[in-house]
Amino acid sequence: MKIVFNIFLILVMLIAFVPPFRRFLFHLLVGRQLMKQQRKNQNGGRPPQREGSIRVDPNSKKDNGDTRFRGGEYVDYEEVK
């Protein structure tokens, strides 16, 4: 019983005071799943696009049958010559 307590105490001390060990343990327990989720959410669930391509998402929700144009947002631009 004393051996189990000593091993547990050493493990707690390593986790508490040795940052590289703590990072390694975190990577084993949580890190892989966390990295997968970050990669998945980074794209917003869309496949990667080429640089410079433009994507326009259609407005999927309807505003209670009101289809009148209500204006838009002003976008600054510079003319490139």
N, C-alpha and C. Protein backbone atom coordinates (compact mmCIF):
# COMPACT_ATOMS: atom_id res chain seq x y z
N MET A 1 0.82 -1.18 0.00
CA MET A 1 0.00 0.00 0.00
C MET A 1 0.88 1.26 0.00
N LYS A 2 1.98 1.19 0.72
CA LYS A 2 2.87 2.34 0.79
C LYS A 2 3.54 2.59 -0.56
N ILE A 3 3.81 1.55 -1.32
CA ILE A 3 4.43 1.70 -2.63
C ILE A 3 3.47 2.41 -3.59
N VAL A 4 2.20 2.04 -3.55
CA VAL A 4 1.21 2.68 -4.40
C VAL A 4 1.08 4.16 -4.06
N PHE A 5 1.10 4.47 -2.76
CA PHE A 5 1.02 5.87 -2.33
C PHE A 5 2.25 6.65 -2.79
N ASN A 6 3.44 6.06 -2.70
CA ASN A 6 4.66 6.73 -3.15
C ASN A 6 4.64 6.98 -4.66
N ILE A 7 4.18 6.01 -5.42
CA ILE A 7 4.08 6.19 -6.87
C ILE A 7 3.10 7.30 -7.21
N PHE A 8 1.96 7.29 -6.52
CA PHE A 8 0.95 8.34 -6.73
C PHE A 8 1.52 9.71 -6.37
N LEU A 9 2.25 9.81 -5.27
CA LEU A 9 2.83 11.07 -4.83
C LEU A 9 3.86 11.57 -5.84
N ILE A 10 4.69 10.69 -6.35
CA ILE A 10 5.69 11.06 -7.36
C ILE A 10 5.01 11.54 -8.63
N LEU A 11 3.95 10.87 -9.04
CA LEU A 11 3.21 11.27 -10.23
C LEU A 11 2.59 12.66 -10.05
N VAL A 12 2.02 12.91 -8.89
CA VAL A 12 1.43 14.23 -8.61
C VAL A 12 2.51 15.30 -8.62
N MET A 13 3.65 15.02 -8.04
CA MET A 13 4.76 16.00 -8.02
C MET A 13 5.26 16.29 -9.44
N LEU A 14 5.36 15.24 -10.27
CA LEU A 14 5.79 15.46 -11.65
C LEU A 14 4.80 16.34 -12.40
N ILE A 15 3.52 16.07 -12.23
CA ILE A 15 2.49 16.85 -12.92
C ILE A 15 2.51 18.30 -12.42
N ALA A 16 2.71 18.49 -11.13
CA ALA A 16 2.64 19.83 -10.55
C ALA A 16 3.87 20.67 -10.87
N PHE A 17 5.05 20.08 -10.92
CA PHE A 17 6.27 20.88 -10.98
C PHE A 17 7.13 20.70 -12.23
N VAL A 18 6.75 19.84 -13.15
CA VAL A 18 7.57 19.62 -14.35
C VAL A 18 6.71 19.93 -15.58
N PRO A 19 6.84 21.15 -16.11
CA PRO A 19 5.99 21.55 -17.25
C PRO A 19 6.11 20.65 -18.49
N PRO A 20 7.31 20.21 -18.90
CA PRO A 20 7.35 19.32 -20.08
C PRO A 20 6.57 18.03 -19.87
N PHE A 21 6.62 17.48 -18.68
CA PHE A 21 5.85 16.26 -18.38
C PHE A 21 4.36 16.55 -18.43
N ARG A 22 3.97 17.71 -17.91
CA ARG A 22 2.57 18.11 -17.91
C ARG A 22 2.06 18.28 -19.35
N ARG A 23 2.87 18.94 -20.21
CA ARG A 23 2.47 19.11 -21.60
C ARG A 23 2.34 17.77 -22.32
N PHE A 24 3.28 16.86 -22.07
CA PHE A 24 3.23 15.54 -22.68
C PHE A 24 1.98 14.79 -22.24
N LEU A 25 1.67 14.84 -20.95
CA LEU A 25 0.49 14.16 -20.43
C LEU A 25 -0.79 14.76 -21.02
N PHE A 26 -0.84 16.09 -21.12
CA PHE A 26 -2.00 16.75 -21.71
C PHE A 26 -2.15 16.34 -23.17
N HIS A 27 -1.04 16.28 -23.90
CA HIS A 27 -1.09 15.88 -25.31
C HIS A 27 -1.62 14.46 -25.44
N LEU A 28 -1.21 13.58 -24.56
CA LEU A 28 -1.69 12.20 -24.62
C LEU A 28 -3.18 12.10 -24.34
N LEU A 29 -3.65 12.84 -23.35
CA LEU A 29 -5.04 12.71 -22.92
C LEU A 29 -6.00 13.51 -23.79
N VAL A 30 -5.65 14.75 -24.11
CA VAL A 30 -6.62 15.65 -24.73
C VAL A 30 -6.13 16.22 -26.07
N GLY A 31 -4.84 16.36 -26.21
CA GLY A 31 -4.27 17.12 -27.31
C GLY A 31 -4.66 16.65 -28.70
N ARG A 32 -4.65 15.38 -28.95
CA ARG A 32 -4.96 14.89 -30.30
C ARG A 32 -6.38 15.23 -30.70
N GLN A 33 -7.32 14.99 -29.81
CA GLN A 33 -8.72 15.28 -30.10
C GLN A 33 -8.92 16.78 -30.26
N LEU A 34 -8.25 17.56 -29.43
CA LEU A 34 -8.36 19.02 -29.51
C LEU A 34 -7.83 19.53 -30.84
N MET A 35 -6.70 19.00 -31.29
CA MET A 35 -6.14 19.43 -32.56
C MET A 35 -7.04 19.06 -33.73
N LYS A 36 -7.67 17.89 -33.68
CA LYS A 36 -8.60 17.49 -34.73
C LYS A 36 -9.78 18.46 -34.81
N GLN A 37 -10.32 18.83 -33.65
CA GLN A 37 -11.45 19.75 -33.61
C GLN A 37 -11.04 21.13 -34.12
N GLN A 38 -9.84 21.59 -33.78
CA GLN A 38 -9.39 22.89 -34.24
C GLN A 38 -9.23 22.90 -35.75
N ARG A 39 -8.66 21.84 -36.32
CA ARG A 39 -8.53 21.78 -37.78
C ARG A 39 -9.90 21.76 -38.44
N LYS A 40 -10.84 21.03 -37.86
CA LYS A 40 -12.18 20.94 -38.42
C LYS A 40 -12.89 22.30 -38.37
N ASN A 41 -12.76 23.00 -37.25
CA ASN A 41 -13.44 24.28 -37.08
C ASN A 41 -12.73 25.43 -37.76
N GLN A 42 -11.47 25.26 -38.09
CA GLN A 42 -10.71 26.33 -38.73
C GLN A 42 -11.30 26.66 -40.10
N ASN A 43 -11.74 25.66 -40.82
CA ASN A 43 -12.33 25.87 -42.14
C ASN A 43 -13.81 26.17 -42.06
N GLY A 44 -14.40 26.03 -40.92
CA GLY A 44 -15.84 26.21 -40.79
C GLY A 44 -16.60 25.06 -41.42
N GLY A 45 -15.97 23.91 -41.55
CA GLY A 45 -16.62 22.75 -42.13
C GLY A 45 -16.59 22.73 -43.65
N ARG A 46 -15.98 23.75 -44.25
CA ARG A 46 -15.90 23.81 -45.72
C ARG A 46 -14.57 23.25 -46.20
N PRO A 47 -14.55 22.74 -47.40
CA PRO A 47 -13.27 22.28 -47.95
C PRO A 47 -12.36 23.48 -48.21
N PRO A 48 -11.05 23.28 -48.17
CA PRO A 48 -10.13 24.40 -48.40
C PRO A 48 -10.29 24.97 -49.82
N GLN A 49 -10.06 26.28 -49.94
CA GLN A 49 -10.19 26.94 -51.23
C GLN A 49 -8.83 27.45 -51.67
N ARG A 50 -8.73 27.64 -52.98
CA ARG A 50 -7.50 28.21 -53.51
C ARG A 50 -7.40 29.67 -53.09
N GLU A 51 -6.18 30.16 -53.00
CA GLU A 51 -5.97 31.55 -52.65
C GLU A 51 -6.46 32.43 -53.79
N GLY A 52 -7.21 33.46 -53.45
CA GLY A 52 -7.71 34.38 -54.44
C GLY A 52 -9.09 34.04 -54.96
N SER A 53 -9.62 32.87 -54.62
CA SER A 53 -10.95 32.52 -55.09
C SER A 53 -12.00 33.21 -54.22
N ILE A 54 -13.17 33.42 -54.78
CA ILE A 54 -14.25 34.10 -54.09
C ILE A 54 -15.39 33.13 -53.90
N ARG A 55 -15.96 33.13 -52.70
CA ARG A 55 -17.08 32.26 -52.40
C ARG A 55 -18.20 33.13 -51.85
N VAL A 56 -19.39 32.98 -52.41
CA VAL A 56 -20.55 33.71 -51.94
C VAL A 56 -21.55 32.70 -51.41
N ASP A 57 -21.87 32.81 -50.13
CA ASP A 57 -22.85 31.91 -49.53
C ASP A 57 -24.24 32.47 -49.79
N PRO A 58 -25.14 31.66 -50.34
CA PRO A 58 -26.50 32.15 -50.55
C PRO A 58 -27.21 32.34 -49.21
N ASN A 59 -28.13 33.29 -49.19
CA ASN A 59 -28.89 33.53 -47.97
C ASN A 59 -29.91 32.42 -47.85
N SER A 60 -29.70 31.53 -46.89
CA SER A 60 -30.54 30.34 -46.79
C SER A 60 -31.84 30.59 -46.03
N LYS A 61 -31.89 31.62 -45.20
CA LYS A 61 -33.11 31.86 -44.43
C LYS A 61 -33.96 32.93 -45.11
N LYS A 62 -35.23 32.76 -45.02
CA LYS A 62 -36.18 33.71 -45.60
C LYS A 62 -36.67 34.63 -44.49
N ASP A 63 -36.90 35.90 -44.80
CA ASP A 63 -37.37 36.88 -43.82
C ASP A 63 -38.88 36.98 -43.87
N ASN A 64 -39.58 35.97 -43.41
CA ASN A 64 -41.04 35.95 -43.32
C ASN A 64 -41.71 36.32 -44.65
N GLY A 65 -41.19 35.86 -45.74
CA GLY A 65 -41.79 36.12 -47.04
C GLY A 65 -41.47 37.49 -47.60
N ASP A 66 -40.78 38.34 -46.87
CA ASP A 66 -40.44 39.68 -47.34
C ASP A 66 -39.21 39.59 -48.23
N THR A 67 -39.40 39.78 -49.53
CA THR A 67 -38.28 39.64 -50.46
C THR A 67 -37.82 40.98 -51.01
N ARG A 68 -38.31 42.08 -50.47
CA ARG A 68 -37.87 43.39 -50.95
C ARG A 68 -36.41 43.62 -50.57
N PHE A 69 -35.71 44.32 -51.44
CA PHE A 69 -34.32 44.64 -51.18
C PHE A 69 -34.27 45.77 -50.16
N ARG A 70 -33.55 45.58 -49.10
CA ARG A 70 -33.49 46.57 -48.03
C ARG A 70 -32.17 47.33 -48.02
N GLY A 71 -31.38 47.19 -49.02
CA GLY A 71 -30.10 47.90 -49.05
C GLY A 71 -28.97 46.96 -48.69
N GLY A 72 -27.82 47.52 -48.75
CA GLY A 72 -26.66 46.68 -48.46
C GLY A 72 -25.65 47.43 -47.62
N GLU A 73 -24.46 46.91 -47.64
CA GLU A 73 -23.40 47.49 -46.84
C GLU A 73 -22.40 48.12 -47.78
N TYR A 74 -21.93 49.33 -47.47
CA TYR A 74 -20.95 50.00 -48.30
C TYR A 74 -19.59 49.35 -48.10
N VAL A 75 -18.91 49.06 -49.19
CA VAL A 75 -17.60 48.43 -49.13
C VAL A 75 -16.60 49.34 -49.79
N ASP A 76 -15.55 49.74 -49.06
CA ASP A 76 -14.48 50.55 -49.63
C ASP A 76 -13.70 49.73 -50.64
N TYR A 77 -13.25 50.38 -51.67
CA TYR A 77 -12.40 49.69 -52.63
C TYR A 77 -11.40 50.68 -53.18
N GLU A 78 -10.32 50.15 -53.72
CA GLU A 78 -9.33 50.96 -54.40
C GLU A 78 -9.24 50.46 -55.81
N GLU A 79 -9.15 51.42 -56.72
CA GLU A 79 -9.02 51.05 -58.12
C GLU A 79 -7.57 50.69 -58.39
N VAL A 80 -7.35 49.54 -58.96
CA VAL A 80 -6.00 49.06 -59.24
C VAL A 80 -5.74 49.24 -60.71
N LYS A 81 -4.65 49.93 -61.03
CA LYS A 81 -4.31 50.17 -62.46
C LYS A 81 -3.06 49.44 -62.81
